[in-house]
């Protein structure tokens, strides 16, 4: 709001007892009472906000406000661009391999390999890459075994037609499903095949 004035001067001065001029010689009034134009002005930028990601490339924003214009402006920048840590991961265990023996306590193994290797400071894989387990703990079958044949007995006769025999026994009995012994435990053969001597004898 401004002020403007205008004035007037006495054209004829009072004389010989005439009346003096009445009223002011200047007048004042307000002018340009409307608001003056204001240019838009930004405030200062605020602090950067939290990054949207902790690693692997996120974004964060900062803003500023113009109170004169009643608007908000934002800016965006990249943040936490370092690659994220990758923890090691094991693959699945393989099937158990064949037992080392068919009976009497063997060993079998299974293995696993690294599926995802640790990167960028990630945790390494914990635990073994192979495991052993006992297997086939049952006793092995024991087959029957004969002992050696014994000596021949004396012939039942000294001449003529006799027999003699020899025997054998079981040295190891079958166990845990082993095969039984086959064959005989006594063998006989002919002996004394030499003709007996005949003594001459008179008839009466």
Protein backbone atom coordinates (compact mmCIF):
# COMPACT_ATOMS: atom_id res chain seq x y z
CA UNK A 1 0.00 0.00 0.00
CA UNK A 2 1.34 3.41 -1.04
CA UNK A 3 0.33 7.05 -0.53
CA UNK A 4 -0.19 9.81 -3.03
CA UNK A 5 -0.88 13.51 -2.52
CA UNK A 6 -2.03 16.47 -4.53
CA UNK A 7 -1.97 20.15 -3.55
CA UNK A 8 -3.47 23.51 -4.37
CA UNK A 9 -2.25 27.06 -3.96
CA UNK A 10 -4.10 30.34 -3.17
CA UNK A 11 -5.08 32.04 -6.32
CA UNK A 12 -6.37 35.28 -4.55
CA UNK A 13 -5.24 36.21 -1.10
CA UNK A 14 -7.77 37.67 1.36
CA UNK A 15 -7.56 41.50 1.60
CA UNK A 16 -9.45 44.46 3.09
CA UNK A 17 -11.08 42.22 5.70
CA UNK A 18 -12.08 39.48 3.29
CA UNK A 19 -12.42 35.78 4.37
CA UNK A 20 -9.36 33.62 4.53
CA UNK A 21 -9.31 30.50 2.39
CA UNK A 22 -10.75 27.50 4.21
CA UNK A 23 -9.52 23.92 3.95
CA UNK A 24 -6.17 22.21 3.48
CA UNK A 25 -3.78 23.05 0.74
CA UNK A 26 -2.90 19.31 0.24
CA UNK A 27 -4.80 16.02 0.21
CA UNK A 28 -3.42 12.53 0.74
CA UNK A 29 -4.88 9.11 -0.18
CA UNK A 30 -3.72 5.49 -0.25
CA UNK A 31 -2.81 3.91 -3.53
CA UNK A 32 -1.82 0.49 -4.86
CA UNK A 33 -3.48 -1.27 -1.97
CA UNK A 34 -3.36 -4.70 -3.68
CA UNK A 35 -0.67 -7.20 -2.58
CA UNK A 36 2.68 -6.94 -4.21
CA UNK A 37 3.82 -9.90 -6.42
CA UNK A 38 6.03 -12.44 -4.54
CA UNK A 39 8.48 -14.68 -6.38
CA UNK A 40 8.42 -18.40 -5.46
CA UNK A 41 11.30 -19.31 -3.15
CA UNK A 42 12.41 -22.80 -2.06
CA UNK A 43 13.35 -23.75 1.45
CA UNK A 44 16.50 -25.76 2.14
CA UNK A 45 16.70 -29.43 1.28
CA UNK A 46 15.88 -31.78 4.14
CA UNK A 47 17.98 -34.74 5.23
CA UNK A 48 18.12 -37.81 3.02
CA UNK A 49 15.59 -40.42 4.06
CA UNK A 50 16.32 -44.09 4.77
CA UNK A 51 17.53 -46.21 1.88
CA UNK A 52 14.86 -48.54 0.52
CA UNK A 53 17.30 -51.49 0.56
CA UNK A 54 20.18 -52.42 2.82
CA UNK A 55 22.25 -53.71 -0.13
CA UNK A 56 22.02 -54.45 -3.81
CA UNK A 57 21.03 -50.92 -4.91
CA UNK A 58 18.23 -49.02 -3.23
CA UNK A 59 16.94 -45.43 -3.41
CA UNK A 60 16.46 -42.61 -0.94
CA UNK A 61 14.64 -39.29 -1.15
CA UNK A 62 15.14 -35.77 0.11
CA UNK A 63 12.54 -32.97 -0.11
CA UNK A 64 12.19 -29.22 0.13
CA UNK A 65 9.14 -27.01 0.49
CA UNK A 66 8.15 -23.63 -0.88
CA UNK A 67 5.87 -22.04 1.69
CA UNK A 68 5.23 -19.16 -0.69
CA UNK A 69 4.11 -21.41 -3.49
CA UNK A 70 2.72 -24.18 -1.28
CA UNK A 71 4.45 -27.01 -3.14
CA UNK A 72 6.98 -29.74 -2.29
CA UNK A 73 9.88 -30.87 -4.45
CA UNK A 74 11.74 -34.18 -4.06
CA UNK A 75 14.97 -35.61 -5.38
CA UNK A 76 16.10 -39.25 -5.50
CA UNK A 77 19.52 -40.85 -5.45
CA UNK A 78 20.90 -44.39 -5.46
CA UNK A 79 22.13 -45.83 -2.17
CA UNK A 80 23.62 -49.03 -0.72
CA UNK A 81 24.79 -50.12 -4.15
CA UNK A 82 27.18 -52.78 -2.80
CA UNK A 83 26.18 -56.36 -3.65
CA UNK A 84 24.29 -58.19 -0.93
CA UNK A 85 26.04 -61.02 0.97
CA UNK A 86 25.12 -64.48 -0.33
CA UNK A 87 25.19 -67.29 2.21
CA UNK A 88 26.45 -70.71 1.21
CA UNK A 89 23.78 -73.36 0.59
CA UNK A 90 24.22 -77.15 0.52
CA UNK A 91 22.61 -79.26 -2.14
CA UNK A 92 20.58 -82.34 -1.23
CA UNK A 93 22.27 -85.45 0.14
CA UNK A 94 22.88 -88.18 -2.40
CA UNK A 95 21.46 -91.65 -1.99
CA UNK A 96 23.46 -93.97 0.27
CA UNK A 97 26.02 -95.92 -1.74
CA UNK A 98 26.39 -99.70 -1.60
CA UNK A 99 27.49 -101.21 1.69
CA UNK A 100 31.15 -102.21 1.77
CA UNK A 101 30.27 -105.76 2.86
CA UNK A 102 27.14 -107.90 2.71
CA UNK A 103 27.29 -108.85 6.40
CA UNK A 104 29.26 -108.42 9.64
CA UNK A 105 29.25 -104.63 9.92
CA UNK A 106 30.10 -102.67 6.80
CA UNK A 107 30.14 -98.96 5.98
CA UNK A 108 28.23 -96.92 3.44
CA UNK A 109 28.55 -93.25 2.48
CA UNK A 110 26.49 -90.47 1.05
CA UNK A 111 27.66 -87.03 -0.06
CA UNK A 112 26.43 -83.55 -0.83
CA UNK A 113 27.93 -80.63 -2.73
CA UNK A 114 27.70 -76.86 -2.42
CA UNK A 115 24.70 -75.59 -4.34
CA UNK A 116 25.36 -71.85 -3.80
CA UNK A 117 28.86 -70.64 -2.90
CA UNK A 118 29.26 -67.89 -0.29
CA UNK A 119 29.78 -64.44 -1.82
CA UNK A 120 30.33 -60.88 -0.65
CA UNK A 121 31.00 -61.84 2.95
CA UNK A 122 28.12 -64.31 3.23
CA UNK A 123 28.23 -67.22 5.69
CA UNK A 124 30.12 -70.32 4.63
CA UNK A 125 28.45 -73.73 4.54
CA UNK A 126 28.53 -75.51 7.88
CA UNK A 127 28.84 -79.25 8.29
CA UNK A 128 30.51 -82.10 6.38
CA UNK A 129 30.22 -82.86 2.69
CA UNK A 130 30.09 -86.60 3.35
CA UNK A 131 28.66 -88.89 6.04
CA UNK A 132 29.26 -92.54 6.89
CA UNK A 133 26.81 -95.01 8.36
CA UNK A 134 27.12 -98.61 9.53
CA UNK A 135 25.26 -101.18 7.45
CA UNK A 136 24.64 -104.91 7.17
CA UNK A 137 25.38 -105.49 10.84
CA UNK A 138 23.90 -108.97 10.81
CA UNK A 139 26.32 -111.95 11.14
CA UNK A 140 27.47 -113.57 7.93
CA UNK A 141 26.01 -117.01 7.07
CA UNK A 142 28.26 -119.89 8.17
CA UNK A 143 28.20 -122.93 5.88
CA UNK A 144 28.60 -126.41 7.27
CA UNK A 145 32.06 -127.94 6.87
CA UNK A 146 33.13 -131.59 7.17
CA UNK A 147 36.27 -132.59 9.03
CA UNK A 148 38.74 -134.84 7.21
CA UNK A 149 37.90 -138.52 6.85
CA UNK A 150 39.29 -140.73 9.59
CA UNK A 151 41.47 -143.78 9.01
CA UNK A 152 39.95 -146.97 7.66
CA UNK A 153 38.97 -149.60 10.16
CA UNK A 154 40.43 -153.08 9.95
CA UNK A 155 38.79 -155.34 7.47
CA UNK A 156 36.09 -157.54 8.95
CA UNK A 157 37.84 -160.60 7.52
CA UNK A 158 41.39 -161.49 6.69
CA UNK A 159 40.43 -163.15 3.46
CA UNK A 160 37.40 -163.66 1.38
CA UNK A 161 34.87 -160.89 1.16
CA UNK A 162 34.80 -158.39 4.05
CA UNK A 163 34.21 -154.68 4.55
CA UNK A 164 35.91 -151.80 6.18
CA UNK A 165 34.72 -148.25 6.96
CA UNK A 166 35.86 -144.81 7.92
CA UNK A 167 33.99 -141.80 9.29
CA UNK A 168 34.07 -138.09 9.34
CA UNK A 169 32.41 -135.50 11.61
CA UNK A 170 31.13 -131.99 11.17
CA UNK A 171 33.89 -129.48 11.90
CA UNK A 172 31.68 -126.39 11.54
CA UNK A 173 27.92 -126.42 12.02
CA UNK A 174 25.79 -124.20 9.77
CA UNK A 175 24.63 -120.91 11.29
CA UNK A 176 22.78 -117.71 10.30
CA UNK A 177 21.24 -119.33 7.25
CA UNK A 178 24.40 -121.04 6.04
CA UNK A 179 24.30 -124.13 3.83
CA UNK A 180 24.03 -127.51 5.55
CA UNK A 181 26.61 -130.23 4.99
CA UNK A 182 25.83 -132.67 2.20
CA UNK A 183 27.05 -136.22 1.86
CA UNK A 184 27.52 -139.10 4.31
CA UNK A 185 29.49 -139.34 7.51
CA UNK A 186 30.32 -143.07 7.14
CA UNK A 187 31.81 -144.68 4.04
CA UNK A 188 32.20 -148.44 3.55
CA UNK A 189 34.15 -150.42 1.01
CA UNK A 190 34.90 -154.05 0.28
CA UNK A 191 38.12 -155.59 1.55
CA UNK A 192 39.79 -158.97 2.10
CA UNK A 193 39.33 -159.98 -1.48
CA UNK A 194 42.21 -162.45 -1.28
CA UNK A 195 40.93 -166.00 -1.41
CA UNK A 196 41.24 -167.86 1.85
CA UNK A 197 43.65 -170.78 1.92
CA UNK A 198 41.95 -174.17 2.05
CA UNK A 199 43.58 -176.93 4.12
CA UNK A 200 43.38 -180.33 2.62
CA UNK A 201 41.26 -182.67 4.69
CA UNK A 202 40.56 -186.35 4.24
CA UNK A 203 37.16 -187.73 4.22
CA UNK A 204 36.34 -190.32 6.75
